[in-house]
Every structure is written in structure tokens, then in C-alpha cells.
Amino acid sequence: MKIDCEDIKLFQIALEASKNAYAPYSDFPVGAALATGNGIFTGCNVENRSYGAGICAERTAIVKAVSSGCRDFKALAVAAPKSPDPVSPCGICRQVISEFCNDDFPVIFGTSEKELIKVSIRELYPFNSLEKLKDL
């Protein structure tokens, strides 16, 4: 998928959201920006010393949107500014994204505007449903 100006703007918002991350254990801030029909919802990772109790930036943004009554998702950008390489959403986040988005839903991720990757959720999570597995 080709990166356009809107993708870069959405990524910049995710980058700004990463500044709000609570990451005292990993020192790995992540920000997310979810474009919707009702505007943009942001999120950041929030860690806890009980690691499983933490939440990723992507899920934070999605939960904020859903809890505000919005499910018209357009695109998601994820920024991990301290990472040496672009980091795609984790497995749990991929599952949550696929719960609310169609297969062509764009996911943009990177460490900076110069290193952006844009893929569909289908590319990140190819075996999303039992129907797809039946076709194998």
C-alpha cells in the first residue's frame, strides 16, 4: 500500500500520542492514532508491574473509540519512536483490530516519518476467520 499525506499526518498524531506513554519498565513508548468517521482517537501504551495488566497503544485508541460509540474505523497509525526498526501491532492488537475492521483496513507503522510501512490488516493477520481457513 502506498503512503500518502493523510497517512503521514495520522502517524504524526500517533508520534505525539507516544509522549503520553507510561513505560517505566520497558522504556518503550508507543503511540497510536485511529482515524474514524467521528474524528481521530489516540492511545498510548500503559504498563504495569504486572506485565499482563498493561495495554498497548493500539487497543487503547480502539477502546476509546468504541466506548465513545464509534465503530467507523478508517485507518490506524502506530509510532514507536525509540525502536531501531518499525514495529507492527502485536498479536492481541491484530486480533482486536480485526474484530472491528475489514480485511483492507490500513495499518501504518514506523519509528519516524522516514520509515513508514503501510499494510492491510489482512497482511498482518491473514487467517482471521474460520471461513478463510476452510478455503485452504
N, C-alpha and C. Protein backbone atom coordinates (compact mmCIF):
# COMPACT_ATOMS: atom_id res chain seq x y z
N MET A 1 0.85 -1.17 0.00
CA MET A 1 0.00 0.00 0.00
C MET A 1 0.90 1.24 0.00
N LYS A 2 0.48 2.23 -0.73
CA LYS A 2 1.26 3.45 -0.87
C LYS A 2 0.95 4.43 0.26
N ILE A 3 2.00 5.04 0.80
CA ILE A 3 1.88 6.05 1.86
C ILE A 3 1.48 7.38 1.23
N ASP A 4 0.46 8.04 1.80
CA ASP A 4 0.06 9.35 1.30
C ASP A 4 0.14 10.40 2.42
N CYS A 5 -0.20 11.62 2.10
CA CYS A 5 -0.10 12.73 3.07
C CYS A 5 -0.97 12.50 4.30
N GLU A 6 -2.15 11.92 4.11
CA GLU A 6 -3.03 11.64 5.24
C GLU A 6 -2.40 10.61 6.18
N ASP A 7 -1.71 9.63 5.62
CA ASP A 7 -1.02 8.62 6.44
C ASP A 7 0.06 9.28 7.29
N ILE A 8 0.80 10.19 6.69
CA ILE A 8 1.87 10.89 7.41
C ILE A 8 1.28 11.73 8.53
N LYS A 9 0.19 12.43 8.26
CA LYS A 9 -0.46 13.25 9.29
C LYS A 9 -0.95 12.37 10.45
N LEU A 10 -1.54 11.24 10.11
CA LEU A 10 -2.03 10.33 11.14
C LEU A 10 -0.85 9.79 11.96
N PHE A 11 0.24 9.46 11.31
CA PHE A 11 1.43 8.99 12.01
C PHE A 11 1.98 10.07 12.95
N GLN A 12 1.98 11.32 12.51
CA GLN A 12 2.46 12.42 13.35
C GLN A 12 1.63 12.54 14.63
N ILE A 13 0.33 12.30 14.51
CA ILE A 13 -0.54 12.32 15.68
C ILE A 13 -0.20 11.15 16.61
N ALA A 14 0.07 9.98 16.03
CA ALA A 14 0.48 8.82 16.83
C ALA A 14 1.81 9.10 17.54
N LEU A 15 2.72 9.73 16.83
CA LEU A 15 4.02 10.08 17.41
C LEU A 15 3.84 11.01 18.61
N GLU A 16 2.96 11.98 18.46
CA GLU A 16 2.66 12.89 19.57
C GLU A 16 2.03 12.12 20.74
N ALA A 17 1.14 11.19 20.45
CA ALA A 17 0.49 10.39 21.49
C ALA A 17 1.50 9.54 22.25
N SER A 18 2.58 9.13 21.60
CA SER A 18 3.59 8.30 22.27
C SER A 18 4.24 9.04 23.44
N LYS A 19 4.19 10.36 23.42
CA LYS A 19 4.77 11.15 24.51
C LYS A 19 4.00 10.97 25.82
N ASN A 20 2.77 10.47 25.73
CA ASN A 20 1.96 10.25 26.92
C ASN A 20 2.11 8.84 27.49
N ALA A 21 2.90 8.00 26.84
CA ALA A 21 3.05 6.61 27.27
C ALA A 21 3.56 6.53 28.70
N TYR A 22 3.07 5.52 29.39
CA TYR A 22 3.58 5.19 30.72
C TYR A 22 4.35 3.89 30.55
N ALA A 23 5.67 4.00 30.40
CA ALA A 23 6.51 2.85 30.10
C ALA A 23 7.76 2.80 30.99
N PRO A 24 7.57 2.79 32.32
CA PRO A 24 8.74 2.81 33.21
C PRO A 24 9.52 1.49 33.22
N TYR A 25 8.92 0.41 32.78
CA TYR A 25 9.58 -0.90 32.84
C TYR A 25 10.32 -1.22 31.54
N SER A 26 9.74 -0.87 30.42
CA SER A 26 10.36 -1.19 29.13
C SER A 26 11.10 0.00 28.52
N ASP A 27 10.75 1.21 28.93
CA ASP A 27 11.26 2.43 28.30
C ASP A 27 11.03 2.37 26.79
N PHE A 28 9.84 1.90 26.43
CA PHE A 28 9.49 1.71 25.01
C PHE A 28 8.11 2.34 24.76
N PRO A 29 8.09 3.67 24.62
CA PRO A 29 6.81 4.35 24.40
C PRO A 29 6.25 4.06 23.01
N VAL A 30 4.95 3.90 22.96
CA VAL A 30 4.26 3.67 21.70
C VAL A 30 3.01 4.54 21.69
N GLY A 31 2.72 5.13 20.53
CA GLY A 31 1.51 5.93 20.37
C GLY A 31 0.71 5.40 19.20
N ALA A 32 -0.58 5.61 19.25
CA ALA A 32 -1.46 5.20 18.16
C ALA A 32 -2.45 6.31 17.86
N ALA A 33 -2.85 6.38 16.60
CA ALA A 33 -3.88 7.32 16.17
C ALA A 33 -4.83 6.55 15.25
N LEU A 34 -6.10 6.53 15.62
CA LEU A 34 -7.13 5.82 14.90
C LEU A 34 -8.05 6.82 14.21
N ALA A 35 -8.01 6.84 12.88
CA ALA A 35 -8.89 7.73 12.11
C ALA A 35 -10.25 7.05 12.00
N THR A 36 -11.29 7.80 12.32
CA THR A 36 -12.66 7.27 12.28
C THR A 36 -13.58 8.26 11.60
N GLY A 37 -14.81 7.84 11.40
CA GLY A 37 -15.81 8.74 10.86
C GLY A 37 -16.18 9.85 11.83
N ASN A 38 -15.79 9.71 13.10
CA ASN A 38 -16.08 10.71 14.13
C ASN A 38 -14.84 11.47 14.57
N GLY A 39 -13.76 11.41 13.81
CA GLY A 39 -12.53 12.08 14.18
C GLY A 39 -11.42 11.10 14.49
N ILE A 40 -10.40 11.57 15.19
CA ILE A 40 -9.24 10.75 15.49
C ILE A 40 -9.20 10.47 16.99
N PHE A 41 -9.01 9.20 17.31
CA PHE A 41 -8.84 8.77 18.69
C PHE A 41 -7.39 8.36 18.86
N THR A 42 -6.77 8.81 19.94
CA THR A 42 -5.38 8.47 20.19
C THR A 42 -5.27 7.51 21.37
N GLY A 43 -4.11 6.87 21.43
CA GLY A 43 -3.82 5.99 22.55
C GLY A 43 -2.33 5.87 22.74
N CYS A 44 -1.94 5.41 23.91
CA CYS A 44 -0.53 5.14 24.19
C CYS A 44 -0.46 3.87 25.03
N ASN A 45 0.71 3.27 25.08
CA ASN A 45 0.85 2.10 25.93
C ASN A 45 0.92 2.53 27.39
N VAL A 46 0.30 1.72 28.24
CA VAL A 46 0.28 1.97 29.67
C VAL A 46 0.71 0.66 30.34
N GLU A 47 1.92 0.67 30.88
CA GLU A 47 2.48 -0.52 31.50
C GLU A 47 2.06 -0.63 32.97
N ASN A 48 2.29 -1.81 33.50
CA ASN A 48 2.03 -2.08 34.90
C ASN A 48 3.08 -3.09 35.35
N ARG A 49 3.46 -3.05 36.61
CA ARG A 49 4.49 -4.00 37.04
C ARG A 49 4.02 -5.45 36.92
N SER A 50 2.71 -5.65 36.86
CA SER A 50 2.16 -6.96 36.48
C SER A 50 1.98 -6.87 34.97
N TYR A 51 2.98 -7.34 34.21
CA TYR A 51 3.07 -7.07 32.78
C TYR A 51 1.78 -7.35 32.02
N GLY A 52 1.07 -8.40 32.36
CA GLY A 52 -0.17 -8.72 31.65
C GLY A 52 -1.27 -7.69 31.85
N ALA A 53 -1.13 -6.85 32.85
CA ALA A 53 -2.14 -5.82 33.12
C ALA A 53 -1.93 -4.56 32.28
N GLY A 54 -0.84 -4.51 31.52
CA GLY A 54 -0.60 -3.36 30.65
C GLY A 54 -1.49 -3.42 29.43
N ILE A 55 -1.53 -2.31 28.70
CA ILE A 55 -2.32 -2.25 27.47
C ILE A 55 -1.53 -1.51 26.40
N CYS A 56 -1.64 -1.99 25.19
CA CYS A 56 -0.93 -1.40 24.05
C CYS A 56 -1.63 -0.13 23.58
N ALA A 57 -0.90 0.69 22.87
CA ALA A 57 -1.43 1.95 22.34
C ALA A 57 -2.58 1.71 21.37
N GLU A 58 -2.46 0.70 20.52
CA GLU A 58 -3.48 0.42 19.52
C GLU A 58 -4.82 0.09 20.18
N ARG A 59 -4.77 -0.79 21.18
CA ARG A 59 -6.00 -1.17 21.86
C ARG A 59 -6.57 -0.01 22.66
N THR A 60 -5.70 0.83 23.22
CA THR A 60 -6.19 2.00 23.95
C THR A 60 -7.01 2.89 23.02
N ALA A 61 -6.51 3.16 21.83
CA ALA A 61 -7.23 4.01 20.87
C ALA A 61 -8.54 3.36 20.44
N ILE A 62 -8.51 2.07 20.18
CA ILE A 62 -9.73 1.36 19.75
C ILE A 62 -10.77 1.35 20.87
N VAL A 63 -10.35 1.07 22.09
CA VAL A 63 -11.28 1.05 23.22
C VAL A 63 -11.89 2.44 23.45
N LYS A 64 -11.08 3.47 23.30
CA LYS A 64 -11.61 4.83 23.45
C LYS A 64 -12.68 5.11 22.40
N ALA A 65 -12.43 4.70 21.16
CA ALA A 65 -13.40 4.93 20.09
C ALA A 65 -14.68 4.15 20.34
N VAL A 66 -14.55 2.87 20.63
CA VAL A 66 -15.73 2.03 20.84
C VAL A 66 -16.53 2.52 22.05
N SER A 67 -15.84 2.88 23.13
CA SER A 67 -16.56 3.34 24.32
C SER A 67 -17.20 4.71 24.11
N SER A 68 -16.80 5.41 23.05
CA SER A 68 -17.44 6.68 22.68
C SER A 68 -18.55 6.48 21.65
N GLY A 69 -18.81 5.23 21.31
CA GLY A 69 -19.89 4.92 20.37
C GLY A 69 -19.48 4.91 18.92
N CYS A 70 -18.19 4.95 18.63
CA CYS A 70 -17.71 4.99 17.25
C CYS A 70 -17.12 3.65 16.84
N ARG A 71 -17.58 3.16 15.69
CA ARG A 71 -17.03 1.92 15.14
C ARG A 71 -16.76 2.04 13.64
N ASP A 72 -16.75 3.28 13.15
CA ASP A 72 -16.49 3.55 11.74
C ASP A 72 -15.00 3.87 11.57
N PHE A 73 -14.18 2.82 11.56
CA PHE A 73 -12.73 3.00 11.55
C PHE A 73 -12.21 3.10 10.12
N LYS A 74 -11.29 4.04 9.90
CA LYS A 74 -10.74 4.31 8.57
C LYS A 74 -9.28 3.85 8.40
N ALA A 75 -8.44 4.12 9.41
CA ALA A 75 -7.02 3.76 9.35
C ALA A 75 -6.43 3.88 10.75
N LEU A 76 -5.32 3.17 10.96
CA LEU A 76 -4.62 3.20 12.24
C LEU A 76 -3.15 3.44 11.99
N ALA A 77 -2.57 4.38 12.75
CA ALA A 77 -1.13 4.62 12.69
C ALA A 77 -0.53 4.30 14.06
N VAL A 78 0.65 3.69 14.05
CA VAL A 78 1.33 3.30 15.28
C VAL A 78 2.76 3.82 15.21
N ALA A 79 3.18 4.54 16.26
CA ALA A 79 4.52 5.12 16.31
C ALA A 79 5.29 4.55 17.50
N ALA A 80 6.48 4.03 17.21
CA ALA A 80 7.38 3.53 18.25
C ALA A 80 8.72 4.25 18.08
N PRO A 81 8.80 5.50 18.56
CA PRO A 81 9.96 6.34 18.26
C PRO A 81 11.30 5.87 18.81
N LYS A 82 11.32 5.05 19.84
CA LYS A 82 12.59 4.59 20.40
C LYS A 82 13.06 3.27 19.80
N SER A 83 12.26 2.69 18.94
CA SER A 83 12.63 1.41 18.34
C SER A 83 13.64 1.61 17.21
N PRO A 84 14.59 0.70 17.06
CA PRO A 84 15.53 0.82 15.95
C PRO A 84 14.89 0.46 14.60
N ASP A 85 13.77 -0.26 14.66
CA ASP A 85 13.07 -0.68 13.44
C ASP A 85 11.58 -0.49 13.62
N PRO A 86 10.83 -0.35 12.52
CA PRO A 86 9.37 -0.27 12.63
C PRO A 86 8.81 -1.50 13.33
N VAL A 87 7.82 -1.27 14.18
CA VAL A 87 7.21 -2.35 14.95
C VAL A 87 5.72 -2.42 14.60
N SER A 88 5.30 -3.56 14.10
CA SER A 88 3.88 -3.74 13.77
C SER A 88 3.10 -4.09 15.04
N PRO A 89 1.77 -3.97 14.99
CA PRO A 89 0.96 -4.34 16.16
C PRO A 89 1.20 -5.78 16.60
N CYS A 90 1.12 -6.02 17.89
CA CYS A 90 1.30 -7.35 18.44
C CYS A 90 0.10 -8.24 18.09
N GLY A 91 0.19 -9.49 18.44
CA GLY A 91 -0.88 -10.44 18.11
C GLY A 91 -2.22 -10.09 18.71
N ILE A 92 -2.23 -9.68 19.99
CA ILE A 92 -3.50 -9.30 20.62
C ILE A 92 -4.10 -8.10 19.91
N CYS A 93 -3.27 -7.12 19.58
CA CYS A 93 -3.77 -5.93 18.87
C CYS A 93 -4.30 -6.30 17.49
N ARG A 94 -3.62 -7.19 16.80
CA ARG A 94 -4.10 -7.64 15.48
C ARG A 94 -5.48 -8.26 15.60
N GLN A 95 -5.68 -9.05 16.64
CA GLN A 95 -6.98 -9.68 16.87
C GLN A 95 -8.05 -8.62 17.11
N VAL A 96 -7.74 -7.63 17.94
CA VAL A 96 -8.71 -6.58 18.25
C VAL A 96 -9.00 -5.73 17.01
N ILE A 97 -7.97 -5.39 16.25
CA ILE A 97 -8.19 -4.62 15.02
C ILE A 97 -9.11 -5.41 14.09
N SER A 98 -8.86 -6.69 13.93
CA SER A 98 -9.66 -7.50 13.00
C SER A 98 -11.09 -7.67 13.49
N GLU A 99 -11.32 -7.51 14.77
CA GLU A 99 -12.68 -7.60 15.31
C GLU A 99 -13.56 -6.47 14.78
N PHE A 100 -12.97 -5.31 14.56
CA PHE A 100 -13.75 -4.13 14.19
C PHE A 100 -13.53 -3.65 12.75
N CYS A 101 -12.57 -4.23 12.04
CA CYS A 101 -12.20 -3.69 10.73
C CYS A 101 -12.24 -4.75 9.64
N ASN A 102 -12.50 -4.32 8.42
CA ASN A 102 -12.49 -5.26 7.30
C ASN A 102 -11.05 -5.59 6.91
N ASP A 103 -10.91 -6.57 6.05
CA ASP A 103 -9.58 -7.06 5.67
C ASP A 103 -8.68 -6.01 5.02
N ASP A 104 -9.27 -5.01 4.38
CA ASP A 104 -8.48 -3.99 3.69
C ASP A 104 -8.12 -2.79 4.57
N PHE A 105 -8.49 -2.84 5.83
CA PHE A 105 -8.21 -1.74 6.76
C PHE A 105 -6.70 -1.46 6.81
N PRO A 106 -6.29 -0.20 6.55
CA PRO A 106 -4.86 0.13 6.53
C PRO A 106 -4.26 0.35 7.92
N VAL A 107 -3.08 -0.22 8.10
CA VAL A 107 -2.30 -0.04 9.33
C VAL A 107 -0.95 0.54 8.91
N ILE A 108 -0.64 1.71 9.47
CA ILE A 108 0.61 2.40 9.16
C ILE A 108 1.47 2.32 10.42
N PHE A 109 2.72 1.95 10.29
CA PHE A 109 3.57 1.89 11.48
C PHE A 109 5.01 2.25 11.13
N GLY A 110 5.72 2.75 12.15
CA GLY A 110 7.11 3.13 11.94
C GLY A 110 7.71 3.78 13.15
N THR A 111 8.96 4.19 12.98
CA THR A 111 9.68 4.88 14.05
C THR A 111 9.73 6.38 13.80
N SER A 112 9.67 6.74 12.53
CA SER A 112 9.68 8.15 12.13
C SER A 112 8.96 8.26 10.78
N GLU A 113 8.73 9.48 10.35
CA GLU A 113 8.06 9.70 9.06
C GLU A 113 8.86 9.13 7.89
N LYS A 114 10.15 8.96 8.08
CA LYS A 114 11.02 8.47 7.00
C LYS A 114 11.00 6.95 6.88
N GLU A 115 10.48 6.27 7.87
CA GLU A 115 10.48 4.81 7.88
C GLU A 115 9.08 4.24 8.07
N LEU A 116 8.14 4.64 7.27
CA LEU A 116 6.77 4.16 7.44
C LEU A 116 6.48 2.95 6.57
N ILE A 117 5.70 2.05 7.14
CA ILE A 117 5.21 0.88 6.42
C ILE A 117 3.69 0.94 6.48
N LYS A 118 3.05 0.62 5.38
CA LYS A 118 1.59 0.60 5.34
C LYS A 118 1.14 -0.73 4.75
N VAL A 119 0.34 -1.44 5.52
CA VAL A 119 -0.18 -2.74 5.10
C VAL A 119 -1.65 -2.83 5.49
N SER A 120 -2.32 -3.82 4.97
CA SER A 120 -3.70 -4.08 5.38
C SER A 120 -3.69 -5.01 6.59
N ILE A 121 -4.78 -5.01 7.34
CA ILE A 121 -4.86 -5.94 8.46
C ILE A 121 -4.83 -7.38 7.94
N ARG A 122 -5.31 -7.60 6.74
CA ARG A 122 -5.24 -8.95 6.14
C ARG A 122 -3.79 -9.41 6.01
N GLU A 123 -2.89 -8.50 5.67
CA GLU A 123 -1.48 -8.86 5.55
C GLU A 123 -0.86 -9.17 6.91
N LEU A 124 -1.32 -8.46 7.95
CA LEU A 124 -0.80 -8.70 9.29
C LEU A 124 -1.44 -9.91 9.96
N TYR A 125 -2.68 -10.20 9.58
CA TYR A 125 -3.48 -11.23 10.26
C TYR A 125 -4.25 -12.01 9.21
N PRO A 126 -3.54 -12.84 8.43
CA PRO A 126 -4.15 -13.46 7.24
C PRO A 126 -5.21 -14.51 7.51
N PHE A 127 -5.20 -15.18 8.63
CA PHE A 127 -6.18 -16.23 8.89
C PHE A 127 -7.15 -15.78 9.96
N ASN A 128 -7.88 -14.73 9.64
CA ASN A 128 -8.75 -14.05 10.58
C ASN A 128 -10.00 -14.84 10.92
N SER A 129 -10.52 -15.64 10.00
CA SER A 129 -11.80 -16.31 10.26
C SER A 129 -11.73 -17.77 9.85
N LEU A 130 -12.65 -18.52 10.40
CA LEU A 130 -12.75 -19.93 10.04
C LEU A 130 -13.09 -20.09 8.57
N GLU A 131 -13.86 -19.15 8.02
CA GLU A 131 -14.22 -19.21 6.60
C GLU A 131 -12.96 -19.21 5.72
N LYS A 132 -12.00 -18.39 6.10
CA LYS A 132 -10.76 -18.32 5.32
C LYS A 132 -9.96 -19.62 5.45
N LEU A 133 -10.01 -20.22 6.64
CA LEU A 133 -9.29 -21.48 6.84
C LEU A 133 -9.90 -22.61 6.03
N LYS A 134 -11.22 -22.57 5.82
CA LYS A 134 -11.89 -23.61 5.05
C LYS A 134 -11.44 -23.61 3.60
N ASP A 135 -10.97 -22.44 3.11
CA ASP A 135 -10.54 -22.32 1.73
C ASP A 135 -9.15 -22.89 1.49
N LEU A 136 -8.43 -23.22 2.54
CA LEU A 136 -7.06 -23.72 2.38
C LEU A 136 -7.02 -25.14 1.89
